[in-house]
PDB file of N, CA and C in Angstrom:
ATOM      1  N   MET A   1     -47.839-102.088 137.400  1.00  0.00           N
ATOM      2  CA  MET A   1     -48.528-101.040 138.139  1.00  0.00           C
ATOM      3  C   MET A   1     -49.616-100.462 137.249  1.00  0.00           C
ATOM      4  N   SER A   2     -50.817-100.374 137.777  1.00  0.00           N
ATOM      5  CA  SER A   2     -51.905 -99.771 137.020  1.00  0.00           C
ATOM      6  C   SER A   2     -52.683 -98.850 137.930  1.00  0.00           C
ATOM      7  N   GLY A   3     -53.429 -97.962 137.327  1.00  0.00           N
ATOM      8  CA  GLY A   3     -54.211 -97.019 138.102  1.00  0.00           C
ATOM      9  C   GLY A   3     -54.819 -95.969 137.199  1.00  0.00           C
ATOM     10  N   VAL A   4     -55.319 -94.926 137.817  1.00  0.00           N
ATOM     11  CA  VAL A   4     -55.955 -93.847 137.068  1.00  0.00           C
ATOM     12  C   VAL A   4     -55.503 -92.505 137.622  1.00  0.00           C
ATOM     13  N   TRP A   5     -55.605 -91.494 136.798  1.00  0.00           N
ATOM     14  CA  TRP A   5     -55.349 -90.126 137.232  1.00  0.00           C
ATOM     15  C   TRP A   5     -56.683 -89.537 137.650  1.00  0.00           C
ATOM     16  N   LYS A   6     -56.751 -88.928 138.829  1.00  0.00           N
ATOM     17  CA  LYS A   6     -57.992 -88.351 139.355  1.00  0.00           C
ATOM     18  C   LYS A   6     -57.749 -86.923 139.815  1.00  0.00           C
ATOM     19  N   PHE A   7     -58.792 -86.091 139.706  1.00  0.00           N
ATOM     20  CA  PHE A   7     -58.755 -84.743 140.250  1.00  0.00           C
ATOM     21  C   PHE A   7     -59.243 -84.810 141.689  1.00  0.00           C
ATOM     22  N   ASP A   8     -58.529 -84.178 142.608  1.00  0.00           N
ATOM     23  CA  ASP A   8     -59.000 -84.135 143.988  1.00  0.00           C
ATOM     24  C   ASP A   8     -59.903 -82.920 144.181  1.00  0.00           C
ATOM     25  N   GLU A   9     -60.324 -82.672 145.420  1.00  0.00           N
ATOM     26  CA  GLU A   9     -61.261 -81.587 145.723  1.00  0.00           C
ATOM     27  C   GLU A   9     -60.725 -80.211 145.350  1.00  0.00           C
ATOM     28  N   LYS A  10     -59.401 -80.065 145.326  1.00  0.00           N
ATOM     29  CA  LYS A  10     -58.793 -78.768 145.014  1.00  0.00           C
ATOM     30  C   LYS A  10     -58.441 -78.627 143.539  1.00  0.00           C
ATOM     31  N   GLY A  11     -58.815 -79.614 142.724  1.00  0.00           N
ATOM     32  CA  GLY A  11     -58.544 -79.556 141.301  1.00  0.00           C
ATOM     33  C   GLY A  11     -57.154 -80.025 140.915  1.00  0.00           C
ATOM     34  N   VAL A  12     -56.436 -80.628 141.856  1.00  0.00           N
ATOM     35  CA  VAL A  12     -55.098 -81.140 141.588  1.00  0.00           C
ATOM     36  C   VAL A  12     -55.223 -82.577 141.095  1.00  0.00           C
ATOM     37  N   ILE A  13     -54.498 -82.904 140.034  1.00  0.00           N
ATOM     38  CA  ILE A  13     -54.572 -84.262 139.500  1.00  0.00           C
ATOM     39  C   ILE A  13     -53.538 -85.139 140.201  1.00  0.00           C
ATOM     40  N   ARG A  14     -53.982 -86.347 140.579  1.00  0.00           N
ATOM     41  CA  ARG A  14     -53.110 -87.283 141.296  1.00  0.00           C
ATOM     42  C   ARG A  14     -53.292 -88.677 140.714  1.00  0.00           C
ATOM     43  N   PHE A  15     -52.225 -89.473 140.783  1.00  0.00           N
ATOM     44  CA  PHE A  15     -52.288 -90.855 140.317  1.00  0.00           C
ATOM     45  C   PHE A  15     -52.795 -91.736 141.446  1.00  0.00           C
ATOM     46  N   SER A  16     -53.783 -92.541 141.169  1.00  0.00           N
ATOM     47  CA  SER A  16     -54.342 -93.451 142.151  1.00  0.00           C
ATOM     48  C   SER A  16     -54.145 -94.873 141.633  1.00  0.00           C
ATOM     49  N   GLU A  17     -53.400 -95.678 142.391  1.00  0.00           N
ATOM     50  CA  GLU A  17     -53.162 -97.041 141.965  1.00  0.00           C
ATOM     51  C   GLU A  17     -54.435 -97.863 142.071  1.00  0.00           C
ATOM     52  N   ASN A  18     -54.553 -98.836 141.199  1.00  0.00           N
ATOM     53  CA  ASN A  18     -55.714 -99.703 141.165  1.00  0.00           C
ATOM     54  C   ASN A  18     -55.384-100.990 141.921  1.00  0.00           C
ATOM     55  N   PRO A  19     -55.862-101.126 143.152  1.00  0.00           N
ATOM     56  CA  PRO A  19     -55.534-102.321 143.933  1.00  0.00           C
ATOM     57  C   PRO A  19     -56.203-103.582 143.400  1.00  0.00           C
ATOM     58  N   ARG A  20     -57.198-103.458 142.550  1.00  0.00           N
ATOM     59  CA  ARG A  20     -57.907-104.621 142.025  1.00  0.00           C
ATOM     60  C   ARG A  20     -57.300-105.148 140.733  1.00  0.00           C
ATOM     61  N   ALA A  21     -56.201-104.550 140.285  1.00  0.00           N
ATOM     62  CA  ALA A  21     -55.576-105.014 139.048  1.00  0.00           C
ATOM     63  C   ALA A  21     -54.549-106.096 139.353  1.00  0.00           C
ATOM     64  N   ASP A  22     -54.423-107.036 138.452  1.00  0.00           N
ATOM     65  CA  ASP A  22     -53.389-108.050 138.635  1.00  0.00           C
ATOM     66  C   ASP A  22     -52.074-107.545 138.057  1.00  0.00           C
ATOM     67  N   SER A  23     -51.047-108.370 138.096  1.00  0.00           N
ATOM     68  CA  SER A  23     -49.728-107.928 137.666  1.00  0.00           C
ATOM     69  C   SER A  23     -49.671-107.600 136.179  1.00  0.00           C
ATOM     70  N   ALA A  24     -50.584-108.116 135.382  1.00  0.00           N
ATOM     71  CA  ALA A  24     -50.598-107.821 133.951  1.00  0.00           C
ATOM     72  C   ALA A  24     -51.353-106.535 133.658  1.00  0.00           C
ATOM     73  N   GLY A  25     -51.892-105.883 134.685  1.00  0.00           N
ATOM     74  CA  GLY A  25     -52.594-104.627 134.493  1.00  0.00           C
ATOM     75  C   GLY A  25     -54.068-104.780 134.191  1.00  0.00           C
ATOM     76  N   ARG A  26     -54.579-106.002 134.260  1.00  0.00           N
ATOM     77  CA  ARG A  26     -56.008-106.204 134.004  1.00  0.00           C
ATOM     78  C   ARG A  26     -56.781-106.062 135.301  1.00  0.00           C
ATOM     79  N   LYS A  27     -58.018-105.638 135.177  1.00  0.00           N
ATOM     80  CA  LYS A  27     -58.873-105.536 136.369  1.00  0.00           C
ATOM     81  C   LYS A  27     -59.267-106.914 136.843  1.00  0.00           C
ATOM     82  N   ALA A  28     -59.519-107.020 138.132  1.00  0.00           N
ATOM     83  CA  ALA A  28     -60.018-108.272 138.693  1.00  0.00           C
ATOM     84  C   ALA A  28     -61.431-108.505 138.176  1.00  0.00           C
ATOM     85  N   ASN A  29     -61.983-109.659 138.448  1.00  0.00           N
ATOM     86  CA  ASN A  29     -63.286-110.037 137.896  1.00  0.00           C
ATOM     87  C   ASN A  29     -64.412-109.073 138.243  1.00  0.00           C
ATOM     88  N   SER A  30     -64.389-108.480 139.415  1.00  0.00           N
ATOM     89  CA  SER A  30     -65.490-107.595 139.781  1.00  0.00           C
ATOM     90  C   SER A  30     -65.302-106.223 139.156  1.00  0.00           C
ATOM     91  N   THR A  31     -66.350-105.742 138.515  1.00  0.00           N
ATOM     92  CA  THR A  31     -66.307-104.401 137.948  1.00  0.00           C
ATOM     93  C   THR A  31     -67.313-103.536 138.692  1.00  0.00           C
ATOM     94  N   ARG A  32     -66.925-102.329 138.934  1.00  0.00           N
ATOM     95  CA  ARG A  32     -67.802-101.422 139.658  1.00  0.00           C
ATOM     96  C   ARG A  32     -68.425-100.437 138.693  1.00  0.00           C
ATOM     97  N   ARG A  33     -69.677-100.154 138.910  1.00  0.00           N
ATOM     98  CA  ARG A  33     -70.381 -99.178 138.101  1.00  0.00           C
ATOM     99  C   ARG A  33     -70.070 -97.792 138.622  1.00  0.00           C
ATOM    100  N   LYS A  34     -69.894 -96.845 137.734  1.00  0.00           N
ATOM    101  CA  LYS A  34     -69.623 -95.464 138.100  1.00  0.00           C
ATOM    102  C   LYS A  34     -70.919 -94.667 138.062  1.00  0.00           C
ATOM    103  N   VAL A  35     -71.010 -93.664 138.932  1.00  0.00           N
ATOM    104  CA  VAL A  35     -72.155 -92.765 138.929  1.00  0.00           C
ATOM    105  C   VAL A  35     -71.644 -91.330 138.991  1.00  0.00           C
ATOM    106  N   LEU A  36     -72.404 -90.419 138.410  1.00  0.00           N
ATOM    107  CA  LEU A  36     -72.099 -88.999 138.442  1.00  0.00           C
ATOM    108  C   LEU A  36     -72.896 -88.382 139.579  1.00  0.00           C
ATOM    109  N   VAL A  37     -72.199 -87.695 140.480  1.00  0.00           N
ATOM    110  CA  VAL A  37     -72.850 -87.107 141.650  1.00  0.00           C
ATOM    111  C   VAL A  37     -72.759 -85.588 141.559  1.00  0.00           C
ATOM    112  N   HIS A  38     -73.883 -84.914 141.753  1.00  0.00           N
ATOM    113  CA  HIS A  38     -73.915 -83.454 141.836  1.00  0.00           C
ATOM    114  C   HIS A  38     -73.543 -83.095 143.266  1.00  0.00           C
ATOM    115  N   LEU A  39     -72.410 -82.426 143.453  1.00  0.00           N
ATOM    116  CA  LEU A  39     -71.874 -82.203 144.794  1.00  0.00           C
ATOM    117  C   LEU A  39     -72.743 -81.293 145.657  1.00  0.00           C
ATOM    118  N   THR A  40     -73.393 -80.299 145.077  1.00  0.00           N
ATOM    119  CA  THR A  40     -74.214 -79.372 145.857  1.00  0.00           C
ATOM    120  C   THR A  40     -75.370 -80.078 146.550  1.00  0.00           C
ATOM    121  N   THR A  41     -76.047 -80.952 145.805  1.00  0.00           N
ATOM    122  CA  THR A  41     -77.209 -81.655 146.360  1.00  0.00           C
ATOM    123  C   THR A  41     -76.868 -83.067 146.827  1.00  0.00           C
ATOM    124  N   ARG A  42     -75.686 -83.549 146.487  1.00  0.00           N
ATOM    125  CA  ARG A  42     -75.237 -84.910 146.798  1.00  0.00           C
ATOM    126  C   ARG A  42     -76.135 -85.975 146.171  1.00  0.00           C
ATOM    127  N   GLU A  43     -76.773 -85.622 145.062  1.00  0.00           N
ATOM    128  CA  GLU A  43     -77.659 -86.558 144.375  1.00  0.00           C
ATOM    129  C   GLU A  43     -76.954 -87.188 143.187  1.00  0.00           C
ATOM    130  N   VAL A  44     -77.253 -88.468 142.959  1.00  0.00           N
ATOM    131  CA  VAL A  44     -76.743 -89.171 141.793  1.00  0.00           C
ATOM    132  C   VAL A  44     -77.567 -88.733 140.588  1.00  0.00           C
ATOM    133  N   VAL A  45     -76.891 -88.376 139.515  1.00  0.00           N
ATOM    134  CA  VAL A  45     -77.578 -87.997 138.282  1.00  0.00           C
ATOM    135  C   VAL A  45     -78.088 -89.285 137.639  1.00  0.00           C
ATOM    136  N   SER A  46     -79.399 -89.417 137.585  1.00  0.00           N
ATOM    137  CA  SER A  46     -79.993 -90.664 137.109  1.00  0.00           C
ATOM    138  C   SER A  46     -80.752 -90.518 135.791  1.00  0.00           C
ATOM    139  N   SER A  47     -80.765 -89.308 135.228  1.00  0.00           N
ATOM    140  CA  SER A  47     -81.440 -89.097 133.950  1.00  0.00           C
ATOM    141  C   SER A  47     -80.897 -87.829 133.291  1.00  0.00           C
ATOM    142  N   TYR A  48     -81.132 -87.737 131.997  1.00  0.00           N
ATOM    143  CA  TYR A  48     -80.725 -86.521 131.297  1.00  0.00           C
ATOM    144  C   TYR A  48     -81.573 -85.332 131.707  1.00  0.00           C
ATOM    145  N   THR A  49     -82.789 -85.578 132.152  1.00  0.00           N
ATOM    146  CA  THR A  49     -83.643 -84.480 132.605  1.00  0.00           C
ATOM    147  C   THR A  49     -83.005 -83.782 133.797  1.00  0.00           C
ATOM    148  N   SER A  50     -82.561 -84.551 134.789  1.00  0.00           N
ATOM    149  CA  SER A  50     -81.933 -83.941 135.964  1.00  0.00           C
ATOM    150  C   SER A  50     -80.585 -83.333 135.606  1.00  0.00           C
ATOM    151  N   LEU A  51     -79.813 -83.986 134.742  1.00  0.00           N
ATOM    152  CA  LEU A  51     -78.517 -83.445 134.333  1.00  0.00           C
ATOM    153  C   LEU A  51     -78.692 -82.132 133.584  1.00  0.00           C
ATOM    154  N   GLU A  52     -79.653 -82.076 132.680  1.00  0.00           N
ATOM    155  CA  GLU A  52     -79.870 -80.848 131.912  1.00  0.00           C
ATOM    156  C   GLU A  52     -80.290 -79.699 132.820  1.00  0.00           C
ATOM    157  N   GLN A  53     -81.097 -79.964 133.828  1.00  0.00           N
ATOM    158  CA  GLN A  53     -81.487 -78.918 134.786  1.00  0.00           C
ATOM    159  C   GLN A  53     -80.265 -78.327 135.474  1.00  0.00           C
ATOM    160  N   ILE A  54     -79.372 -79.205 135.920  1.00  0.00           N
ATOM    161  CA  ILE A  54     -78.161 -78.754 136.609  1.00  0.00           C
ATOM    162  C   ILE A  54     -77.274 -77.966 135.647  1.00  0.00           C
ATOM    163  N   LEU A  55     -77.079 -78.507 134.433  1.00  0.00           N
ATOM    164  CA  LEU A  55     -76.231 -77.827 133.457  1.00  0.00           C
ATOM    165  C   LEU A  55     -76.785 -76.449 133.073  1.00  0.00           C
ATOM    166  N   ARG A  56     -78.097 -76.357 132.914  1.00  0.00           N
ATOM    167  CA  ARG A  56     -78.706 -75.048 132.601  1.00  0.00           C
ATOM    168  C   ARG A  56     -78.433 -74.040 133.709  1.00  0.00           C
ATOM    169  N   GLY A  57     -78.499 -74.491 134.955  1.00  0.00           N
ATOM    170  CA  GLY A  57     -78.204 -73.619 136.086  1.00  0.00           C
ATOM    171  C   GLY A  57     -76.761 -73.144 136.105  1.00  0.00           C
ATOM    172  N   LEU A  58     -75.887 -73.884 135.433  1.00  0.00           N
ATOM    173  CA  LEU A  58     -74.470 -73.528 135.355  1.00  0.00           C
ATOM    174  C   LEU A  58     -74.142 -72.732 134.087  1.00  0.00           C
ATOM    175  N   GLY A  59     -75.164 -72.428 133.287  1.00  0.00           N
ATOM    176  CA  GLY A  59     -74.953 -71.630 132.080  1.00  0.00           C
ATOM    177  C   GLY A  59     -74.800 -72.419 130.792  1.00  0.00           C
ATOM    178  N   TRP A  60     -74.976 -73.732 130.842  1.00  0.00           N
ATOM    179  CA  TRP A  60     -74.891 -74.560 129.646  1.00  0.00           C
ATOM    180  C   TRP A  60     -76.225 -74.518 128.904  1.00  0.00           C
ATOM    181  N   GLU A  61     -76.169 -74.547 127.588  1.00  0.00           N
ATOM    182  CA  GLU A  61     -77.362 -74.560 126.746  1.00  0.00           C
ATOM    183  C   GLU A  61     -77.304 -75.753 125.807  1.00  0.00           C
ATOM    184  N   ARG A  62     -78.463 -76.227 125.422  1.00  0.00           N
ATOM    185  CA  ARG A  62     -78.527 -77.317 124.443  1.00  0.00           C
ATOM    186  C   ARG A  62     -77.999 -76.775 123.126  1.00  0.00           C
ATOM    187  N   TYR A  63     -77.073 -77.489 122.504  1.00  0.00           N
ATOM    188  CA  TYR A  63     -76.458 -77.076 121.247  1.00  0.00           C
ATOM    189  C   TYR A  63     -77.175 -77.758 120.103  1.00  0.00           C
ATOM    190  N   SER A  64     -77.598 -76.993 119.138  1.00  0.00           N
ATOM    191  CA  SER A  64     -78.273 -77.572 117.979  1.00  0.00           C
ATOM    192  C   SER A  64     -77.639 -77.024 116.713  1.00  0.00           C
ATOM    193  N   GLY A  65     -76.340 -77.191 116.602  1.00  0.00           N
ATOM    194  CA  GLY A  65     -75.603 -76.718 115.428  1.00  0.00           C
ATOM    195  C   GLY A  65     -76.003 -77.468 114.182  1.00  0.00           C
ATOM    196  N   SER A  66     -75.668 -76.920 113.047  1.00  0.00           N
ATOM    197  CA  SER A  66     -76.068 -77.516 111.770  1.00  0.00           C
ATOM    198  C   SER A  66     -75.441 -78.888 111.550  1.00  0.00           C
ATOM    199  N   ALA A  67     -74.272 -79.130 112.145  1.00  0.00           N
ATOM    200  CA  ALA A  67     -73.600 -80.415 111.946  1.00  0.00           C
ATOM    201  C   ALA A  67     -73.836 -81.375 113.104  1.00  0.00           C
ATOM    202  N   SER A  68     -74.798 -81.065 113.966  1.00  0.00           N
ATOM    203  CA  SER A  68     -74.984 -81.928 115.143  1.00  0.00           C
ATOM    204  C   SER A  68     -75.520 -83.303 114.739  1.00  0.00           C
ATOM    205  N   ASP A  69     -75.052 -84.311 115.419  1.00  0.00           N
ATOM    206  CA  ASP A  69     -75.420 -85.698 115.182  1.00  0.00           C
ATOM    207  C   ASP A  69     -76.738 -85.989 115.890  1.00  0.00           C
ATOM    208  N   PRO A  70     -77.723 -86.598 115.214  1.00  0.00           N
ATOM    209  CA  PRO A  70     -79.007 -86.886 115.860  1.00  0.00           C
ATOM    210  C   PRO A  70     -78.901 -87.909 116.985  1.00  0.00           C
ATOM    211  N   ASN A  71     -77.790 -88.628 117.071  1.00  0.00           N
ATOM    212  CA  ASN A  71     -77.598 -89.609 118.135  1.00  0.00           C
ATOM    213  C   ASN A  71     -76.930 -89.015 119.369  1.00  0.00           C
ATOM    214  N   LEU A  72     -76.666 -87.706 119.340  1.00  0.00           N
ATOM    215  CA  LEU A  72     -75.985 -87.046 120.447  1.00  0.00           C
ATOM    216  C   LEU A  72     -76.823 -85.925 121.035  1.00  0.00           C
ATOM    217  N   LEU A  73     -76.655 -85.728 122.334  1.00  0.00           N
ATOM    218  CA  LEU A  73     -77.123 -84.511 123.000  1.00  0.00           C
ATOM    219  C   LEU A  73     -75.874 -83.696 123.231  1.00  0.00           C
ATOM    220  N   GLN A  74     -75.907 -82.423 122.857  1.00  0.00           N
ATOM    221  CA  GLN A  74     -74.737 -81.587 123.036  1.00  0.00           C
ATOM    222  C   GLN A  74     -75.112 -80.319 123.786  1.00  0.00           C
ATOM    223  N   PHE A  75     -74.176 -79.876 124.631  1.00  0.00           N
ATOM    224  CA  PHE A  75     -74.367 -78.669 125.419  1.00  0.00           C
ATOM    225  C   PHE A  75     -73.141 -77.785 125.244  1.00  0.00           C
ATOM    226  N   HIS A  76     -73.372 -76.462 125.231  1.00  0.00           N
ATOM    227  CA  HIS A  76     -72.258 -75.522 125.151  1.00  0.00           C
ATOM    228  C   HIS A  76     -72.544 -74.334 126.063  1.00  0.00           C
ATOM    229  N   LYS A  77     -71.468 -73.624 126.377  1.00  0.00           N
ATOM    230  CA  LYS A  77     -71.552 -72.397 127.164  1.00  0.00           C
ATOM    231  C   LYS A  77     -71.110 -71.264 126.267  1.00  0.00           C
ATOM    232  N   GLN A  78     -71.853 -70.165 126.281  1.00  0.00           N
ATOM    233  CA  GLN A  78     -71.454 -69.036 125.442  1.00  0.00           C
ATOM    234  C   GLN A  78     -70.147 -68.425 125.904  1.00  0.00           C
ATOM    235  N   SER A  79     -69.831 -68.560 127.185  1.00  0.00           N
ATOM    236  CA  SER A  79     -68.602 -67.983 127.731  1.00  0.00           C
ATOM    237  C   SER A  79     -67.397 -68.901 127.560  1.00  0.00           C
ATOM    238  N   SER A  80     -67.551 -69.989 126.808  1.00  0.00           N
ATOM    239  CA  SER A  80     -66.499 -70.989 126.709  1.00  0.00           C
ATOM    240  C   SER A  80     -66.493 -71.614 125.315  1.00  0.00           C
ATOM    241  N   ILE A  81     -65.394 -72.258 124.975  1.00  0.00           N
ATOM    242  CA  ILE A  81     -65.338 -73.015 123.722  1.00  0.00           C
ATOM    243  C   ILE A  81     -65.674 -74.484 123.953  1.00  0.00           C
ATOM    244  N   ASP A  82     -65.947 -74.859 125.201  1.00  0.00           N
ATOM    245  CA  ASP A  82     -66.226 -76.248 125.547  1.00  0.00           C
ATOM    246  C   ASP A  82     -67.560 -76.723 124.978  1.00  0.00           C
ATOM    247  N   LEU A  83     -67.586 -77.995 124.654  1.00  0.00           N
ATOM    248  CA  LEU A  83     -68.793 -78.659 124.182  1.00  0.00           C
ATOM    249  C   LEU A  83     -68.875 -80.006 124.885  1.00  0.00           C
ATOM    250  N   ILE A  84     -70.023 -80.303 125.456  1.00  0.00           N
ATOM    251  CA  ILE A  84     -70.258 -81.605 126.087  1.00  0.00           C
ATOM    252  C   ILE A  84     -71.121 -82.410 125.126  1.00  0.00           C
ATOM    253  N   SER A  85     -70.633 -83.574 124.718  1.00  0.00           N
ATOM    254  CA  SER A  85     -71.381 -84.448 123.813  1.00  0.00           C
ATOM    255  C   SER A  85     -71.710 -85.742 124.544  1.00  0.00           C
ATOM    256  N   LEU A  86     -72.981 -86.076 124.558  1.00  0.00           N
ATOM    257  CA  LEU A  86     -73.473 -87.254 125.272  1.00  0.00           C
ATOM    258  C   LEU A  86     -74.314 -88.104 124.335  1.00  0.00           C
ATOM    259  N   PRO A  87     -74.315 -89.421 124.513  1.00  0.00           N
ATOM    260  CA  PRO A  87     -75.191 -90.261 123.686  1.00  0.00           C
ATOM    261  C   PRO A  87     -76.652 -89.969 124.041  1.00  0.00           C
ATOM    262  N   ARG A  88     -77.500 -89.912 123.037  1.00  0.00           N
ATOM    263  CA  ARG A  88     -78.918 -89.604 123.284  1.00  0.00           C
ATOM    264  C   ARG A  88     -79.563 -90.637 124.207  1.00  0.00           C
ATOM    265  N   ASP A  89     -79.124 -91.881 124.125  1.00  0.00           N
ATOM    266  CA  ASP A  89     -79.641 -92.965 124.965  1.00  0.00           C
ATOM    267  C   ASP A  89     -78.890 -92.961 126.301  1.00  0.00           C
ATOM    268  N   PHE A  90     -79.589 -92.684 127.401  1.00  0.00           N
ATOM    269  CA  PHE A  90     -78.951 -92.579 128.715  1.00  0.00           C
ATOM    270  C   PHE A  90     -78.283 -93.885 129.142  1.00  0.00           C
ATOM    271  N   SER A  91     -78.746 -95.014 128.646  1.00  0.00           N
ATOM    272  CA  SER A  91     -78.130 -96.293 129.011  1.00  0.00           C
ATOM    273  C   SER A  91     -76.711 -96.405 128.458  1.00  0.00           C
ATOM    274  N   ARG A  92     -76.342 -95.564 127.506  1.00  0.00           N
ATOM    275  CA  ARG A  92     -74.993 -95.544 126.936  1.00  0.00           C
ATOM    276  C   ARG A  92     -74.105 -94.478 127.581  1.00  0.00           C
ATOM    277  N   PHE A  93     -74.629 -93.791 128.588  1.00  0.00           N
ATOM    278  CA  PHE A  93     -73.901 -92.762 129.332  1.00  0.00           C
ATOM    279  C   PHE A  93     -72.844 -93.465 130.179  1.00  0.00           C
ATOM    280  N   SER A  94     -71.572 -93.251 129.855  1.00  0.00           N
ATOM    281  CA  SER A  94     -70.496 -93.999 130.505  1.00  0.00           C
ATOM    282  C   SER A  94     -69.602 -93.093 131.349  1.00  0.00           C
ATOM    283  N   SER A  95     -68.639 -93.715 132.001  1.00  0.00           N
ATOM    284  CA  SER A  95     -67.716 -92.956 132.850  1.00  0.00           C
ATOM    285  C   SER A  95     -66.899 -91.954 132.038  1.00  0.00           C
ATOM    286  N   VAL A  96     -66.648 -92.231 130.784  1.00  0.00           N
ATOM    287  CA  VAL A  96     -65.928 -91.272 129.926  1.00  0.00           C
ATOM    288  C   VAL A  96     -66.728 -89.976 129.822  1.00  0.00           C
ATOM    289  N   HIS A  97     -68.037 -90.088 129.624  1.00  0.00           N
ATOM    290  CA  HIS A  97     -68.895 -88.908 129.535  1.00  0.00           C
ATOM    291  C   HIS A  97     -68.952 -88.190 130.890  1.00  0.00           C
ATOM    292  N   MET A  98     -69.003 -88.982 131.966  1.00  0.00           N
ATOM    293  CA  MET A  98     -69.053 -88.406 133.311  1.00  0.00           C
ATOM    294  C   MET A  98     -67.808 -87.576 133.604  1.00  0.00           C
ATOM    295  N   TYR A  99     -66.636 -88.137 133.284  1.00  0.00           N
ATOM    296  CA  TYR A  99     -65.393 -87.402 133.547  1.00  0.00           C
ATOM    297  C   TYR A  99     -65.286 -86.165 132.664  1.00  0.00           C
ATOM    298  N   ASP A 100     -65.835 -86.214 131.460  1.00  0.00           N
ATOM    299  CA  ASP A 100     -65.857 -85.035 130.591  1.00  0.00           C
ATOM    300  C   ASP A 100     -66.651 -83.914 131.258  1.00  0.00           C
ATOM    301  N   ILE A 101     -67.763 -84.254 131.856  1.00  0.00           N
ATOM    302  CA  ILE A 101     -68.595 -83.270 132.564  1.00  0.00           C
ATOM    303  C   ILE A 101     -67.856 -82.739 133.786  1.00  0.00           C
ATOM    304  N   VAL A 102     -67.180 -83.616 134.526  1.00  0.00           N
ATOM    305  CA  VAL A 102     -66.434 -83.202 135.721  1.00  0.00           C
ATOM    306  C   VAL A 102     -65.320 -82.222 135.361  1.00  0.00           C
ATOM    307  N   VAL A 103     -64.572 -82.522 134.311  1.00  0.00           N
ATOM    308  CA  VAL A 103     -63.460 -81.653 133.904  1.00  0.00           C
ATOM    309  C   VAL A 103     -63.960 -80.276 133.476  1.00  0.00           C
ATOM    310  N   LYS A 104     -65.101 -80.233 132.816  1.00  0.00           N
ATOM    311  CA  LYS A 104     -65.626 -78.963 132.308  1.00  0.00           C
ATOM    312  C   LYS A 104     -66.445 -78.204 133.348  1.00  0.00           C
ATOM    313  N   ASN A 105     -66.709 -78.839 134.497  1.00  0.00           N
ATOM    314  CA  ASN A 105     -67.452 -78.208 135.597  1.00  0.00           C
ATOM    315  C   ASN A 105     -66.770 -78.551 136.917  1.00  0.00           C
ATOM    316  N   PRO A 106     -65.563 -78.033 137.142  1.00  0.00           N
ATOM    317  CA  PRO A 106     -64.836 -78.398 138.361  1.00  0.00           C
ATOM    318  C   PRO A 106     -65.591 -77.982 139.619  1.00  0.00           C
ATOM    319  N   ASN A 107     -65.490 -78.807 140.634  1.00  0.00           N
ATOM    320  CA  ASN A 107     -66.107 -78.566 141.940  1.00  0.00           C
ATOM    321  C   ASN A 107     -67.638 -78.583 141.917  1.00  0.00           C
ATOM    322  N   VAL A 108     -68.235 -79.119 140.853  1.00  0.00           N
ATOM    323  CA  VAL A 108     -69.690 -79.210 140.762  1.00  0.00           C
ATOM    324  C   VAL A 108     -70.138 -80.671 140.736  1.00  0.00           C
ATOM    325  N   PHE A 109     -69.352 -81.506 140.056  1.00  0.00           N
ATOM    326  CA  PHE A 109     -69.685 -82.923 139.910  1.00  0.00           C
ATOM    327  C   PHE A 109     -68.516 -83.770 140.384  1.00  0.00           C
ATOM    328  N   HIS A 110     -68.824 -85.031 140.663  1.00  0.00           N
ATOM    329  CA  HIS A 110     -67.805 -86.001 141.056  1.00  0.00           C
ATOM    330  C   HIS A 110     -68.253 -87.365 140.544  1.00  0.00           C
ATOM    331  N   VAL A 111     -67.309 -88.191 140.120  1.00  0.00           N
ATOM    332  CA  VAL A 111     -67.625 -89.549 139.694  1.00  0.00           C
ATOM    333  C   VAL A 111     -67.235 -90.490 140.819  1.00  0.00           C
ATOM    334  N   ARG A 112     -68.159 -91.360 141.188  1.00  0.00           N
ATOM    335  CA  ARG A 112     -67.925 -92.308 142.285  1.00  0.00           C
ATOM    336  C   ARG A 112     -68.269 -93.717 141.858  1.00  0.00           C
ATOM    337  N   ASP A 113     -67.669 -94.676 142.552  1.00  0.00           N
ATOM    338  CA  ASP A 113     -68.041 -96.077 142.341  1.00  0.00           C
ATOM    339  C   ASP A 113     -69.365 -96.325 143.050  1.00  0.00           C
ATOM    340  N   MET A 114     -70.212 -97.101 142.415  1.00  0.00           N
ATOM    341  CA  MET A 114     -71.504 -97.438 143.011  1.00  0.00           C
ATOM    342  C   MET A 114     -71.354 -98.661 143.853  1.00  0.00           C
TER     343      MET A 114
END
């Protein structure tokens, strides 16, 4: 049995079985690309420019701490201890980064299969 844990619309986490996995738990040959969707506008986030605009509207600021890595873009909220770290190259923006954004901004973003 294989699958993933997902947050539903109410913020409740649920286990979702992966019907494309074989008995050994591996995915089938077809892989689906994930996209980050801004729920308010229903738009797919396709660049850091659009993502940063949305994050700024939610109170996130670009973090430029003394120990920040030049290969990362980082955002923080003054009202929170959370930090979002993203690869500077958008082509390296993966589902792990997308889910990090979703968890830290509930009911604002959603990750979907393309």
